[in-house]
């Protein structure tokens, strides 16, 4: 097995690992956003909008990174097929 192939397999494994980590982070952010934007809260002045905005912005960054990783993983997997 040549060195380039080994390096690409390492990149693929690293990208998959990072994807799983970010996917878990996205799921946690979604749960946090749901908790902050509780639809059953009767007093809307108690809703922590700033906290929700920060979490949504972070979620957007994570989703963009996930999209990039997904593309990278697909290209690397195509190389090995």
C-alpha atoms as a PDB file:
ATOM      1  CA  UNK A   1       0.000   0.000   0.000  1.00  0.00           C
ATOM      2  CA  UNK A   2       1.463   3.324  -0.982  1.00  0.00           C
ATOM      3  CA  UNK A   3       1.971   6.232   1.409  1.00  0.00           C
ATOM      4  CA  UNK A   4      -0.608   8.472  -0.313  1.00  0.00           C
ATOM      5  CA  UNK A   5      -3.326   5.858   0.128  1.00  0.00           C
ATOM      6  CA  UNK A   6      -2.469   5.478   3.812  1.00  0.00           C
ATOM      7  CA  UNK A   7      -2.608   9.248   4.302  1.00  0.00           C
ATOM      8  CA  UNK A   8      -5.995   9.446   2.586  1.00  0.00           C
ATOM      9  CA  UNK A   9      -7.354   6.633   4.761  1.00  0.00           C
ATOM     10  CA  UNK A  10      -6.162   8.578   7.792  1.00  0.00           C
ATOM     11  CA  UNK A  11      -7.901  11.710   6.527  1.00  0.00           C
ATOM     12  CA  UNK A  12     -11.084   9.739   5.946  1.00  0.00           C
ATOM     13  CA  UNK A  13     -11.028   8.275   9.463  1.00  0.00           C
ATOM     14  CA  UNK A  14     -10.353  11.714  10.951  1.00  0.00           C
ATOM     15  CA  UNK A  15     -13.165  13.324   8.931  1.00  0.00           C
ATOM     16  CA  UNK A  16     -15.632  10.612   9.996  1.00  0.00           C
ATOM     17  CA  UNK A  17     -14.654  11.013  13.633  1.00  0.00           C
ATOM     18  CA  UNK A  18     -15.020  14.791  13.485  1.00  0.00           C
ATOM     19  CA  UNK A  19     -18.366  14.408  11.686  1.00  0.00           C
ATOM     20  CA  UNK A  20     -19.711  12.187  14.480  1.00  0.00           C
ATOM     21  CA  UNK A  21     -18.519  14.652  17.114  1.00  0.00           C
ATOM     22  CA  UNK A  22     -20.102  17.630  15.333  1.00  0.00           C
ATOM     23  CA  UNK A  23     -23.326  15.706  14.704  1.00  0.00           C
ATOM     24  CA  UNK A  24     -23.585  15.050  18.444  1.00  0.00           C
ATOM     25  CA  UNK A  25     -22.874  18.722  19.145  1.00  0.00           C
ATOM     26  CA  UNK A  26     -25.623  19.745  16.697  1.00  0.00           C
ATOM     27  CA  UNK A  27     -28.110  17.446  18.416  1.00  0.00           C
ATOM     28  CA  UNK A  28     -27.216  18.938  21.803  1.00  0.00           C
ATOM     29  CA  UNK A  29     -27.619  22.472  20.455  1.00  0.00           C
ATOM     30  CA  UNK A  30     -31.036  21.607  19.062  1.00  0.00           C
ATOM     31  CA  UNK A  31     -32.120  20.303  22.466  1.00  0.00           C
ATOM     32  CA  UNK A  32     -30.789  23.449  24.135  1.00  0.00           C
ATOM     33  CA  UNK A  33     -32.600  25.708  21.671  1.00  0.00           C
ATOM     34  CA  UNK A  34     -35.849  23.812  22.217  1.00  0.00           C
ATOM     35  CA  UNK A  35     -35.470  24.146  25.972  1.00  0.00           C
ATOM     36  CA  UNK A  36     -34.752  27.877  25.765  1.00  0.00           C
ATOM     37  CA  UNK A  37     -37.620  28.523  23.358  1.00  0.00           C
ATOM     38  CA  UNK A  38     -40.118  26.648  25.476  1.00  0.00           C
ATOM     39  CA  UNK A  39     -43.489  27.060  23.704  1.00  0.00           C
ATOM     40  CA  UNK A  40     -45.322  26.385  26.941  1.00  0.00           C
ATOM     41  CA  UNK A  41     -43.801  29.366  28.747  1.00  0.00           C
ATOM     42  CA  UNK A  42     -46.696  31.643  29.552  1.00  0.00           C
ATOM     43  CA  UNK A  43     -44.541  34.668  30.332  1.00  0.00           C
ATOM     44  CA  UNK A  44     -42.666  35.428  27.110  1.00  0.00           C
ATOM     45  CA  UNK A  45     -40.470  37.944  28.907  1.00  0.00           C
ATOM     46  CA  UNK A  46     -38.772  34.978  30.611  1.00  0.00           C
ATOM     47  CA  UNK A  47     -37.574  33.519  27.302  1.00  0.00           C
ATOM     48  CA  UNK A  48     -33.807  33.859  27.016  1.00  0.00           C
ATOM     49  CA  UNK A  49     -33.730  35.103  23.426  1.00  0.00           C
ATOM     50  CA  UNK A  50     -30.042  36.047  23.517  1.00  0.00           C
ATOM     51  CA  UNK A  51     -29.109  32.544  24.622  1.00  0.00           C
ATOM     52  CA  UNK A  52     -31.221  31.091  21.812  1.00  0.00           C
ATOM     53  CA  UNK A  53     -29.605  33.376  19.220  1.00  0.00           C
ATOM     54  CA  UNK A  54     -26.096  32.401  20.330  1.00  0.00           C
ATOM     55  CA  UNK A  55     -27.036  28.720  20.179  1.00  0.00           C
ATOM     56  CA  UNK A  56     -28.664  29.076  16.766  1.00  0.00           C
ATOM     57  CA  UNK A  57     -25.606  30.868  15.385  1.00  0.00           C
ATOM     58  CA  UNK A  58     -23.375  28.108  16.757  1.00  0.00           C
ATOM     59  CA  UNK A  59     -25.713  25.490  15.262  1.00  0.00           C
ATOM     60  CA  UNK A  60     -25.485  27.220  11.893  1.00  0.00           C
ATOM     61  CA  UNK A  61     -21.664  27.088  12.046  1.00  0.00           C
ATOM     62  CA  UNK A  62     -21.737  23.413  13.014  1.00  0.00           C
ATOM     63  CA  UNK A  63     -24.166  22.531  10.195  1.00  0.00           C
ATOM     64  CA  UNK A  64     -21.985  24.333   7.639  1.00  0.00           C
ATOM     65  CA  UNK A  65     -18.943  22.425   8.863  1.00  0.00           C
ATOM     66  CA  UNK A  66     -20.920  19.164   8.720  1.00  0.00           C
ATOM     67  CA  UNK A  67     -21.841  19.865   5.088  1.00  0.00           C
ATOM     68  CA  UNK A  68     -18.183  20.407   4.205  1.00  0.00           C
ATOM     69  CA  UNK A  69     -17.131  17.250   6.000  1.00  0.00           C
ATOM     70  CA  UNK A  70     -19.872  15.250   4.331  1.00  0.00           C
ATOM     71  CA  UNK A  71     -18.605  16.324   0.919  1.00  0.00           C
ATOM     72  CA  UNK A  72     -15.008  15.528   1.891  1.00  0.00           C
ATOM     73  CA  UNK A  73     -16.002  12.088   3.197  1.00  0.00           C
ATOM     74  CA  UNK A  74     -17.934  11.294   0.018  1.00  0.00           C
ATOM     75  CA  UNK A  75     -14.976  12.281  -2.181  1.00  0.00           C
ATOM     76  CA  UNK A  76     -12.536  10.246  -0.129  1.00  0.00           C
ATOM     77  CA  UNK A  77     -14.851   7.219  -0.137  1.00  0.00           C
ATOM     78  CA  UNK A  78     -15.234   7.510  -3.917  1.00  0.00           C
ATOM     79  CA  UNK A  79     -11.445   7.371  -4.212  1.00  0.00           C
ATOM     80  CA  UNK A  80     -11.401   4.023  -2.411  1.00  0.00           C
ATOM     81  CA  UNK A  81     -14.279   2.481  -4.388  1.00  0.00           C
END
